[in-house]
Amino acid sequence: MNEKAYNREKSVNQFLLIIITIMDLFLFFGYFGDYSKGNIGLGFLMAVELTVLTSMIADYAVFLHRKDSGIFKHVSVIGYMVVYAIALLGAQNDLVFAIVFPLTVIYILYFDYKLILRITVVYSLITAADLVYTAAVLKHMHSGVALNSTSLLVQGASVIVYLIVLCGTTKISNRNNDVRIASLSEEKEHSARLLQDVLKVAQAVKKNSSQAEEYIRILGRDVDSTAQALSGISDGNSNNAESIEKQTVMTEHIQGMIQRAKEMSDEMLALAQQSQEAVDGGQRSMDDLQKQSDNMQKANEQVAASVISLIENAGSVDEITEQIFAISSQTNLLALNASIESARAGEAGRGFAVVAEEIRQLADETRKLTEHIQNIVQELRQNADKAKNTVDNVMEASQREHELIRSADEQFSGIGGRMGELNRNVSEIYQKIEEILESNNAIVDSINEISAVSQQVSANTQQAVELGEDTSRQAQQVQQRMDELLQTVGAIDKYI
């Protein structure tokens, strides 16, 4: 017996015992009152009291032994039938038959039609026997009044009709309960099948939700890694932009110095031509030799100063090209790091790998141009050294000019040759400076292009970082929703 059935049997037995106890107590003390008034005899009193006490003891013994006992209803109904029969047949009151009503109706709660049918038959027989005993033996009513057929008919009809109604009600009630139970069983089976389907769906949802949560967690980690890689690329590109800006400033400075060197070379070329003309004039006119010698001395001093300045500027250009070379190497290294970070970012960094390769190629081209400038500057310094030596020789010749006036023709011929060499050197320096200026302009163009590409890369990288952060936030929100879904599905586990 399950717990619900146990509680139902126990509650019905307990309620029936309470009603029986109340009825027996009324009978027990009621008949004592009748005996004290002299309405009944001692023998009848003892019979009723012993029967009531015996019935109560039996009822309590069975109930206390087992409160949900199925025997209790049979023991209680038998005991009460005996009490009813004795009280009815020996009563001094015409309404004693009414005690059958309150007690027998309780047995409907057992939903036992056979028990109700036996109660109906037994109580009907007891009532019929009392009617026959009253009419045939006593020939008067229990109260002592004259025999009243109407009262007997009412008594018999009331009890028997009540018992028939009790029996029919129990049968109809049981039949309705059976139909209701069958309907409930069918609904229970349907609910069980529905619950089973729901549990299967919930298990599938839970399984798929767990997998989806794992995928979303992996996606979140990948998005975070991509965002970190893109941030690294953005930082590297920012450093690259700063280096490019420094390189732009230095190339502009180089361009200014080259422009100044070009102007000085123009002056040197003009001075060399003037010196050549002075030598030619000295050969043509010995009278103007002293005057031209003085002019040549001054011109040579200016040439020497220009050559020295040119050498110093060439040294400065060499130092700046070394810095450009270092910056180009750093740019190449940053481009390599950007390529590595882009490769690490996977598909999201493929576009940045192309840009990093372009930056690396531009850095290599800058490096090559810088090396070319270094070579030109080296040649420029060598030619400047030669020019300086030549100017020194010219100045020595000018100093000895007063002493060697007699051999002016020979010395002027040597000076003319040296001035021709100086003119060639100055022309060569002029050409080299032109080449340096063109190379520097190419470097400036390359740096401007690198700067534009770097700005585009920075903008695209920043946009990608923002997109990655937005994707990461969305992945976190989806993961929270999946956690809530898993918690909801987990609440169904207790039904599985």
Protein backbone atom coordinates (compact mmCIF):
# COMPACT_ATOMS: atom_id res chain seq x y z
CA MET A 1 0.00 0.00 0.00
CA ASN A 2 1.37 3.35 -0.98
CA GLU A 3 1.49 6.35 1.32
CA LYS A 4 -1.63 8.03 -0.14
CA ALA A 5 -3.76 4.89 0.31
CA TYR A 6 -2.39 4.48 3.85
CA ASN A 7 -3.35 8.02 4.77
CA ARG A 8 -6.83 7.65 3.24
CA GLU A 9 -7.60 4.40 5.12
CA LYS A 10 -6.18 5.84 8.34
CA SER A 11 -8.21 9.07 8.14
CA VAL A 12 -11.48 7.23 7.35
CA ASN A 13 -10.89 4.70 10.19
CA GLN A 14 -10.07 7.51 12.58
CA PHE A 15 -13.17 9.51 11.65
CA LEU A 16 -15.39 6.41 11.91
CA LEU A 17 -13.94 5.55 15.33
CA ILE A 18 -14.70 9.07 16.59
CA ILE A 19 -18.33 8.88 15.43
CA ILE A 20 -18.76 5.35 16.86
CA THR A 21 -17.30 6.54 20.16
CA ILE A 22 -19.71 9.48 20.32
CA MET A 23 -22.71 7.28 19.43
CA ASP A 24 -21.72 4.59 21.95
CA LEU A 25 -21.23 7.17 24.69
CA PHE A 26 -24.68 8.62 24.02
CA LEU A 27 -26.18 5.13 24.16
CA PHE A 28 -24.16 4.17 27.23
CA PHE A 29 -25.15 7.17 29.35
CA GLY A 30 -28.60 7.48 27.77
CA TYR A 31 -29.63 4.00 28.88
CA PHE A 32 -28.27 4.71 32.35
CA GLY A 33 -30.62 7.68 32.44
CA ASP A 34 -33.55 5.49 31.32
CA TYR A 35 -32.66 2.90 33.99
CA SER A 36 -32.51 5.56 36.72
CA LYS A 37 -36.00 6.69 35.69
CA GLY A 38 -37.26 3.12 35.75
CA ASN A 39 -37.96 2.99 32.03
CA ILE A 40 -35.85 -0.12 31.41
CA GLY A 41 -34.81 -3.09 33.44
CA LEU A 42 -31.41 -4.02 34.79
CA GLY A 43 -30.99 -6.99 32.44
CA PHE A 44 -31.62 -4.94 29.33
CA LEU A 45 -29.30 -2.20 30.67
CA MET A 46 -26.50 -4.70 31.26
CA ALA A 47 -27.00 -6.24 27.82
CA VAL A 48 -26.78 -2.82 26.09
CA GLU A 49 -23.86 -1.59 28.19
CA LEU A 50 -21.83 -4.81 27.75
CA THR A 51 -22.49 -4.79 24.04
CA VAL A 52 -21.46 -1.12 23.72
CA LEU A 53 -18.29 -1.64 25.80
CA THR A 54 -17.36 -4.84 23.92
CA SER A 55 -17.87 -3.10 20.55
CA MET A 56 -15.77 -0.09 21.62
CA ILE A 57 -12.95 -2.29 22.99
CA ALA A 58 -12.84 -4.32 19.77
CA ASP A 59 -12.85 -1.20 17.63
CA TYR A 60 -10.01 0.47 19.59
CA ALA A 61 -7.96 -2.73 19.71
CA VAL A 62 -8.07 -3.17 15.94
CA PHE A 63 -7.44 0.55 15.23
CA LEU A 64 -4.54 0.86 17.64
CA HIS A 65 -2.95 -2.32 16.29
CA ARG A 66 -2.99 -0.92 12.79
CA LYS A 67 -4.59 2.40 12.02
CA ASP A 68 -5.04 1.69 8.30
CA SER A 69 -6.34 -1.85 8.87
CA GLY A 70 -8.97 -3.07 6.40
CA ILE A 71 -10.52 -5.27 9.13
CA PHE A 72 -11.55 -2.25 11.18
CA LYS A 73 -14.55 -1.43 9.00
CA HIS A 74 -15.88 -4.97 9.30
CA VAL A 75 -15.35 -5.17 13.08
CA SER A 76 -16.95 -1.77 13.64
CA VAL A 77 -19.99 -2.51 11.47
CA ILE A 78 -20.60 -5.88 13.14
CA GLY A 79 -20.31 -4.37 16.63
CA TYR A 80 -22.65 -1.53 15.76
CA MET A 81 -25.15 -3.95 14.16
CA VAL A 82 -25.33 -5.91 17.43
CA VAL A 83 -25.71 -2.69 19.44
CA TYR A 84 -28.40 -1.47 17.01
CA ALA A 85 -30.30 -4.74 17.16
CA ILE A 86 -30.30 -4.89 20.98
CA ALA A 87 -31.12 -1.20 21.36
CA LEU A 88 -33.91 -1.37 18.76
CA LEU A 89 -35.60 -4.55 19.97
CA GLY A 90 -35.48 -3.60 23.65
CA ALA A 91 -36.08 0.12 23.32
CA GLN A 92 -38.69 2.08 25.17
CA ASN A 93 -38.60 4.82 22.54
CA ASP A 94 -40.12 4.75 19.08
CA LEU A 95 -37.24 6.80 17.51
CA VAL A 96 -34.33 4.51 18.35
CA PHE A 97 -34.25 3.34 14.72
CA ALA A 98 -32.82 6.81 13.80
CA ILE A 99 -29.35 5.82 15.11
CA VAL A 100 -28.83 3.84 11.92
CA PHE A 101 -28.58 7.02 9.83
CA PRO A 102 -25.49 8.93 11.09
CA LEU A 103 -23.20 5.94 11.30
CA THR A 104 -23.92 3.94 8.17
CA VAL A 105 -23.43 6.92 5.85
CA ILE A 106 -19.75 7.10 6.90
CA TYR A 107 -19.03 3.71 5.23
CA ILE A 108 -19.51 5.33 1.83
CA LEU A 109 -16.01 6.76 2.33
CA TYR A 110 -14.56 3.24 1.93
CA PHE A 111 -15.93 2.98 -1.64
CA ASP A 112 -16.75 -0.68 -0.90
CA TYR A 113 -20.05 -1.56 -2.55
CA LYS A 114 -20.16 -5.11 -1.18
CA LEU A 115 -19.76 -3.81 2.37
CA ILE A 116 -22.56 -1.27 1.81
CA LEU A 117 -24.73 -4.01 0.30
CA ARG A 118 -24.18 -6.25 3.36
CA ILE A 119 -24.94 -3.31 5.66
CA THR A 120 -28.14 -2.62 3.71
CA VAL A 121 -29.28 -6.23 3.90
CA VAL A 122 -28.47 -6.70 7.61
CA TYR A 123 -29.95 -3.40 8.78
CA SER A 124 -33.03 -4.00 6.62
CA LEU A 125 -33.49 -7.42 8.19
CA ILE A 126 -33.03 -5.98 11.69
CA THR A 127 -35.57 -3.26 10.94
CA ALA A 128 -38.01 -5.75 9.42
CA ALA A 129 -37.59 -8.01 12.45
CA ASP A 130 -38.29 -5.07 14.76
CA LEU A 131 -41.43 -4.21 12.81
CA VAL A 132 -42.67 -7.81 12.98
CA TYR A 133 -41.76 -8.03 16.69
CA THR A 134 -43.61 -4.78 17.42
CA ALA A 135 -46.74 -5.73 15.46
CA ALA A 136 -46.93 -9.45 16.29
CA VAL A 137 -45.41 -9.78 19.73
CA LEU A 138 -45.72 -6.44 21.51
CA LYS A 139 -48.84 -5.37 19.67
CA HIS A 140 -48.07 -1.82 20.75
CA MET A 141 -45.35 0.72 20.09
CA HIS A 142 -42.03 0.56 22.00
CA SER A 143 -43.06 3.62 23.96
CA GLY A 144 -46.19 1.75 25.18
CA VAL A 145 -48.72 3.66 23.13
CA ALA A 146 -51.23 1.87 20.97
CA LEU A 147 -49.99 0.26 17.81
CA ASN A 148 -49.76 2.85 15.00
CA SER A 149 -49.43 1.39 11.52
CA THR A 150 -48.46 4.75 10.09
CA SER A 151 -45.54 5.07 12.48
CA LEU A 152 -44.44 1.53 11.68
CA LEU A 153 -44.72 2.22 7.95
CA VAL A 154 -42.73 5.45 8.31
CA GLN A 155 -40.07 3.66 10.36
CA GLY A 156 -39.75 0.80 7.89
CA ALA A 157 -39.86 3.02 4.81
CA SER A 158 -37.37 5.50 6.27
CA VAL A 159 -34.78 2.89 7.15
CA ILE A 160 -35.19 0.63 4.13
CA VAL A 161 -35.44 3.49 1.61
CA TYR A 162 -32.42 5.15 3.25
CA LEU A 163 -30.45 1.91 3.02
CA ILE A 164 -31.47 1.39 -0.60
CA VAL A 165 -30.45 4.98 -1.41
CA LEU A 166 -27.19 4.40 0.45
CA CYS A 167 -26.51 1.26 -1.57
CA GLY A 168 -27.45 2.90 -4.90
CA THR A 169 -25.48 6.02 -4.11
CA THR A 170 -22.41 3.93 -3.30
CA LYS A 171 -22.74 1.93 -6.52
CA ILE A 172 -23.23 5.02 -8.70
CA SER A 173 -20.45 6.85 -6.87
CA ASN A 174 -18.07 3.90 -7.34
CA ARG A 175 -18.96 3.64 -11.01
CA ASN A 176 -18.36 7.37 -11.50
CA ASN A 177 -15.11 7.06 -9.59
CA ASP A 178 -14.05 4.16 -11.82
CA VAL A 179 -14.81 6.24 -14.91
CA ARG A 180 -12.98 9.19 -13.42
CA ILE A 181 -10.01 7.02 -12.43
CA ALA A 182 -9.88 5.51 -15.92
CA SER A 183 -9.94 9.01 -17.40
CA LEU A 184 -7.28 10.09 -14.95
CA SER A 185 -5.18 7.03 -15.79
CA GLU A 186 -5.49 7.78 -19.47
CA GLU A 187 -4.57 11.41 -18.83
CA LYS A 188 -1.74 10.25 -16.61
CA GLU A 189 -0.38 8.01 -19.37
CA HIS A 190 -0.73 10.86 -21.86
CA SER A 191 1.00 13.22 -19.44
CA ALA A 192 3.70 10.64 -18.85
CA ARG A 193 4.29 10.28 -22.59
CA LEU A 194 4.24 14.06 -22.97
CA LEU A 195 6.63 14.43 -20.03
CA GLN A 196 8.91 11.79 -21.54
CA ASP A 197 8.96 13.68 -24.85
CA VAL A 198 9.59 16.94 -23.01
CA LEU A 199 12.43 15.33 -21.06
CA LYS A 200 13.96 13.98 -24.26
CA VAL A 201 13.73 17.43 -25.83
CA ALA A 202 15.15 18.98 -22.66
CA GLN A 203 18.05 16.50 -22.68
CA ALA A 204 18.74 17.31 -26.33
CA VAL A 205 18.52 21.04 -25.61
CA LYS A 206 20.82 20.61 -22.62
CA LYS A 207 23.34 18.64 -24.65
CA ASN A 208 23.26 21.09 -27.56
CA SER A 209 23.33 24.04 -25.16
CA SER A 210 26.42 22.61 -23.45
CA GLN A 211 28.14 22.18 -26.81
CA ALA A 212 27.04 25.65 -27.93
CA GLU A 213 28.32 27.12 -24.66
CA GLU A 214 31.70 25.42 -25.23
CA TYR A 215 31.84 26.73 -28.81
CA ILE A 216 30.94 30.23 -27.62
CA ARG A 217 33.61 30.04 -24.89
CA ILE A 218 36.21 29.00 -27.51
CA LEU A 219 34.98 31.77 -29.83
CA GLY A 220 35.33 34.28 -26.99
CA ARG A 221 38.91 33.18 -26.32
CA ASP A 222 39.75 33.38 -30.04
CA VAL A 223 38.20 36.84 -30.31
CA ASP A 224 40.17 37.98 -27.26
CA SER A 225 43.39 36.57 -28.77
CA THR A 226 42.64 38.30 -32.07
CA ALA A 227 41.91 41.56 -30.29
CA GLN A 228 45.18 41.29 -28.37
CA ALA A 229 47.09 40.54 -31.57
CA LEU A 230 45.44 43.47 -33.33
CA SER A 231 46.26 45.68 -30.36
CA GLY A 232 49.89 44.59 -30.67
CA ILE A 233 49.82 45.42 -34.37
CA SER A 234 48.23 48.79 -33.60
CA ASP A 235 50.90 49.57 -30.99
CA GLY A 236 53.66 48.48 -33.38
CA ASN A 237 52.16 50.60 -36.12
CA SER A 238 52.00 53.58 -33.76
CA ASN A 239 55.69 53.14 -33.00
CA ASN A 240 56.31 52.81 -36.71
CA ALA A 241 54.42 56.06 -37.32
CA GLU A 242 56.57 57.83 -34.72
CA SER A 243 59.74 56.50 -36.36
CA ILE A 244 58.49 57.60 -39.77
CA GLU A 245 57.76 61.05 -38.38
CA LYS A 246 61.31 61.29 -36.99
CA GLN A 247 62.69 60.03 -40.29
CA THR A 248 60.67 62.67 -42.15
CA VAL A 249 62.11 65.42 -39.97
CA MET A 250 65.67 64.15 -40.50
CA THR A 251 65.22 63.80 -44.26
CA GLU A 252 63.93 67.35 -44.42
CA HIS A 253 67.02 68.41 -42.48
CA ILE A 254 69.21 66.43 -44.90
CA GLN A 255 67.44 68.04 -47.81
CA GLY A 256 68.21 71.49 -46.37
CA MET A 257 71.88 70.62 -45.94
CA ILE A 258 72.05 69.18 -49.43
CA GLN A 259 70.49 72.31 -50.82
CA ARG A 260 73.08 74.37 -48.94
CA ALA A 261 75.88 72.13 -50.26
CA LYS A 262 74.53 72.65 -53.77
CA GLU A 263 74.65 76.39 -53.36
CA MET A 264 78.19 76.14 -52.02
CA SER A 265 79.19 73.93 -54.94
CA ASP A 266 77.79 76.57 -57.28
CA GLU A 267 79.96 79.11 -55.57
CA MET A 268 82.95 76.75 -55.75
CA LEU A 269 82.39 76.23 -59.46
CA ALA A 270 82.15 79.98 -60.05
CA LEU A 271 85.29 80.54 -57.99
CA ALA A 272 87.16 77.82 -59.87
CA GLN A 273 86.18 79.41 -63.15
CA GLN A 274 87.31 82.76 -61.87
CA SER A 275 90.62 81.20 -60.78
CA GLN A 276 91.02 79.67 -64.20
CA GLU A 277 90.39 83.00 -65.82
CA ALA A 278 92.87 84.63 -63.44
CA VAL A 279 95.54 82.09 -64.39
CA ASP A 280 94.89 82.64 -68.06
CA GLY A 281 95.00 86.39 -67.51
CA GLY A 282 98.32 86.00 -65.64
CA GLN A 283 99.79 84.16 -68.57
CA ARG A 284 98.58 86.81 -70.95
CA SER A 285 99.68 89.70 -68.80
CA MET A 286 102.61 89.51 -66.47
CA ASP A 287 101.98 93.10 -65.47
CA ASP A 288 98.76 92.17 -63.74
CA LEU A 289 100.29 89.07 -62.15
CA GLN A 290 100.66 90.54 -58.70
CA LYS A 291 97.15 91.88 -58.68
CA GLN A 292 95.68 88.66 -60.03
CA SER A 293 97.78 86.70 -57.55
CA ASP A 294 96.22 88.59 -54.68
CA ASN A 295 92.77 87.97 -56.08
CA MET A 296 93.59 84.31 -56.55
CA GLN A 297 94.84 84.11 -52.97
CA LYS A 298 91.54 85.42 -51.70
CA ALA A 299 89.58 83.17 -54.03
CA ASN A 300 91.61 80.15 -52.90
CA GLU A 301 90.94 80.98 -49.28
CA GLN A 302 87.22 81.11 -50.00
CA VAL A 303 87.48 77.84 -51.93
CA ALA A 304 89.34 76.26 -49.00
CA ALA A 305 86.69 77.47 -46.56
CA SER A 306 83.94 76.16 -48.85
CA VAL A 307 85.70 72.80 -49.22
CA ILE A 308 86.14 72.53 -45.44
CA SER A 309 82.46 73.41 -44.96
CA LEU A 310 81.56 70.88 -47.63
CA ILE A 311 83.58 68.18 -45.83
CA GLU A 312 81.87 69.04 -42.53
CA ASN A 313 78.45 68.95 -44.19
CA ALA A 314 79.33 65.64 -45.80
CA GLY A 315 80.19 64.31 -42.32
CA SER A 316 76.83 65.54 -41.01
CA VAL A 317 75.07 63.90 -43.97
CA ASP A 318 76.94 60.67 -43.21
CA GLU A 319 75.79 60.75 -39.56
CA ILE A 320 72.19 61.44 -40.58
CA THR A 321 72.24 58.62 -43.13
CA GLU A 322 73.48 56.33 -40.33
CA GLN A 323 70.43 57.36 -38.28
CA ILE A 324 68.15 56.80 -41.30
CA PHE A 325 69.76 53.39 -41.75
CA ALA A 326 69.04 52.56 -38.07
CA ILE A 327 65.45 53.78 -38.41
CA SER A 328 65.03 51.72 -41.60
CA SER A 329 66.30 48.65 -39.73
CA GLN A 330 63.87 49.37 -36.87
CA THR A 331 61.03 49.86 -39.37
CA ASN A 332 61.93 46.55 -41.02
CA LEU A 333 61.92 44.86 -37.58
CA LEU A 334 58.54 46.42 -36.70
CA ALA A 335 57.15 45.27 -40.07
CA LEU A 336 58.44 41.74 -39.34
CA ASN A 337 56.80 41.82 -35.89
CA ALA A 338 53.56 43.05 -37.48
CA SER A 339 53.75 40.15 -39.98
CA ILE A 340 54.24 37.67 -37.11
CA GLU A 341 51.34 39.14 -35.11
CA SER A 342 49.14 39.13 -38.25
CA ALA A 343 50.00 35.48 -38.90
CA ARG A 344 49.23 34.70 -35.27
CA ALA A 345 45.85 36.47 -35.58
CA GLY A 346 44.90 34.06 -38.41
CA GLU A 347 42.23 34.98 -40.91
CA ALA A 348 41.46 38.28 -39.17
CA GLY A 349 45.07 39.49 -39.62
CA ARG A 350 45.64 38.42 -43.24
CA GLY A 351 44.88 41.91 -44.58
CA PHE A 352 47.39 43.41 -42.18
CA ALA A 353 50.08 40.94 -43.25
CA VAL A 354 49.95 42.45 -46.77
CA VAL A 355 50.28 45.95 -45.35
CA ALA A 356 53.18 44.83 -43.11
CA GLU A 357 54.93 43.33 -46.16
CA GLU A 358 54.49 46.63 -48.03
CA ILE A 359 56.00 48.50 -45.08
CA ARG A 360 58.92 46.06 -44.99
CA GLN A 361 59.57 46.51 -48.73
CA LEU A 362 59.44 50.29 -48.36
CA ALA A 363 61.86 50.03 -45.41
CA ASP A 364 64.21 47.89 -47.53
CA GLU A 365 64.00 50.42 -50.36
CA THR A 366 64.73 53.20 -47.89
CA ARG A 367 67.69 51.26 -46.60
CA LYS A 368 69.03 50.76 -50.14
CA LEU A 369 68.61 54.45 -50.94
CA THR A 370 70.34 55.33 -47.66
CA GLU A 371 73.25 53.05 -48.56
CA HIS A 372 73.42 54.72 -51.96
CA ILE A 373 73.49 58.12 -50.26
CA GLN A 374 76.28 56.89 -47.99
CA ASN A 375 78.31 55.83 -51.03
CA ILE A 376 77.71 59.17 -52.70
CA VAL A 377 78.63 61.03 -49.50
CA GLN A 378 81.80 58.91 -49.23
CA GLU A 379 82.75 59.82 -52.78
CA LEU A 380 81.84 63.42 -52.02
CA ARG A 381 84.16 63.42 -49.02
CA GLN A 382 86.96 61.88 -51.06
CA ASN A 383 86.52 64.46 -53.83
CA ALA A 384 86.32 67.21 -51.22
CA ASP A 385 89.59 65.98 -49.71
CA LYS A 386 91.14 66.05 -53.15
CA ALA A 387 89.76 69.54 -53.73
CA LYS A 388 91.16 70.65 -50.39
CA ASN A 389 94.57 69.27 -51.25
CA THR A 390 94.41 71.01 -54.57
CA VAL A 391 93.40 74.31 -52.95
CA ASP A 392 96.26 73.89 -50.50
CA ASN A 393 98.65 73.44 -53.38
CA VAL A 394 97.19 76.46 -55.10
CA MET A 395 97.64 78.53 -51.96
CA GLU A 396 101.25 77.38 -51.63
CA ALA A 397 101.82 78.33 -55.25
CA SER A 398 100.27 81.72 -54.60
CA GLN A 399 102.56 82.27 -51.65
CA ARG A 400 105.62 81.47 -53.69
CA GLU A 401 104.33 83.60 -56.52
CA HIS A 402 106.39 86.64 -55.48
CA GLU A 403 109.54 84.58 -55.25
CA LEU A 404 108.99 82.70 -58.48
CA ILE A 405 107.99 85.66 -60.61
CA ARG A 406 110.74 84.92 -63.07
CA SER A 407 109.39 81.44 -63.70
CA ALA A 408 105.81 82.71 -63.87
CA ASP A 409 105.10 81.08 -67.19
CA GLU A 410 106.01 77.60 -65.94
CA GLN A 411 104.22 78.06 -62.61
CA PHE A 412 101.14 79.49 -64.28
CA SER A 413 101.07 76.49 -66.59
CA GLY A 414 101.09 74.20 -63.49
CA ILE A 415 98.50 76.35 -61.81
CA GLY A 416 96.36 76.21 -64.95
CA GLY A 417 96.54 72.41 -64.89
CA ARG A 418 95.68 72.24 -61.24
CA MET A 419 92.83 74.72 -61.70
CA GLY A 420 91.49 72.52 -64.49
CA GLU A 421 91.58 69.55 -62.12
CA LEU A 422 89.89 71.65 -59.46
CA ASN A 423 87.25 72.65 -61.98
CA ARG A 424 86.66 69.01 -62.84
CA ASN A 425 86.48 68.05 -59.16
CA VAL A 426 84.05 70.83 -58.43
CA SER A 427 81.94 69.80 -61.43
CA GLU A 428 81.97 66.20 -60.20
CA ILE A 429 80.99 67.35 -56.70
CA TYR A 430 78.19 69.35 -58.27
CA GLN A 431 76.93 66.24 -60.11
CA LYS A 432 77.13 64.11 -56.93
CA ILE A 433 75.17 66.70 -55.01
CA GLU A 434 72.55 66.64 -57.76
CA GLU A 435 72.35 62.85 -57.40
CA ILE A 436 72.10 63.13 -53.60
CA LEU A 437 69.29 65.65 -53.98
CA GLU A 438 67.38 63.34 -56.35
CA SER A 439 67.90 60.34 -53.99
CA ASN A 440 66.79 62.37 -51.00
CA ASN A 441 63.65 63.44 -52.88
CA ALA A 442 62.95 59.76 -53.61
CA ILE A 443 63.40 58.99 -49.89
CA VAL A 444 60.98 61.79 -48.99
CA ASP A 445 58.41 60.39 -51.44
CA SER A 446 58.89 56.89 -50.00
CA ILE A 447 58.52 58.17 -46.45
CA ASN A 448 55.35 60.04 -47.41
CA GLU A 449 53.96 56.86 -48.98
CA ILE A 450 54.93 54.83 -45.88
CA SER A 451 53.27 57.44 -43.69
CA ALA A 452 50.04 57.25 -45.73
CA VAL A 453 50.06 53.44 -45.63
CA SER A 454 50.82 53.52 -41.90
CA GLN A 455 47.88 55.83 -41.28
CA GLN A 456 45.61 53.53 -43.28
CA VAL A 457 46.91 50.51 -41.37
CA SER A 458 46.39 52.32 -38.08
CA ALA A 459 42.80 53.22 -39.01
CA ASN A 460 42.02 49.67 -40.20
CA THR A 461 43.68 48.16 -37.13
CA GLN A 462 41.74 50.42 -34.79
CA GLN A 463 38.51 49.51 -36.58
CA ALA A 464 39.39 45.81 -36.31
CA VAL A 465 40.19 46.19 -32.60
CA GLU A 466 36.82 47.89 -32.00
CA LEU A 467 35.07 45.17 -34.02
CA GLY A 468 36.89 42.49 -32.01
CA GLU A 469 35.92 44.11 -28.72
CA ASP A 470 32.29 44.38 -29.87
CA THR A 471 32.34 40.71 -30.95
CA SER A 472 33.84 39.74 -27.57
CA ARG A 473 31.06 41.59 -25.74
CA GLN A 474 28.41 39.91 -27.88
CA ALA A 475 30.04 36.51 -27.25
CA GLN A 476 29.92 37.17 -23.49
CA GLN A 477 26.23 38.14 -23.71
CA VAL A 478 25.45 34.99 -25.71
CA GLN A 479 27.37 32.91 -23.17
CA GLN A 480 25.31 34.47 -20.35
CA ARG A 481 22.10 33.59 -22.21
CA MET A 482 23.38 30.03 -22.73
CA ASP A 483 24.17 29.77 -18.99
CA GLU A 484 20.63 30.90 -18.19
CA LEU A 485 19.27 28.35 -20.70
CA LEU A 486 21.39 25.59 -19.13
CA GLN A 487 20.12 26.52 -15.67
CA THR A 488 16.54 26.42 -16.95
CA VAL A 489 17.05 23.04 -18.63
CA GLY A 490 18.87 21.78 -15.52
CA ALA A 491 15.67 22.33 -13.51
CA ILE A 492 14.07 19.47 -15.52
CA ASP A 493 16.76 16.96 -14.45
CA LYS A 494 14.77 16.07 -11.34
CA TYR A 495 11.97 14.69 -13.59
CA ILE A 496 14.33 12.47 -15.61
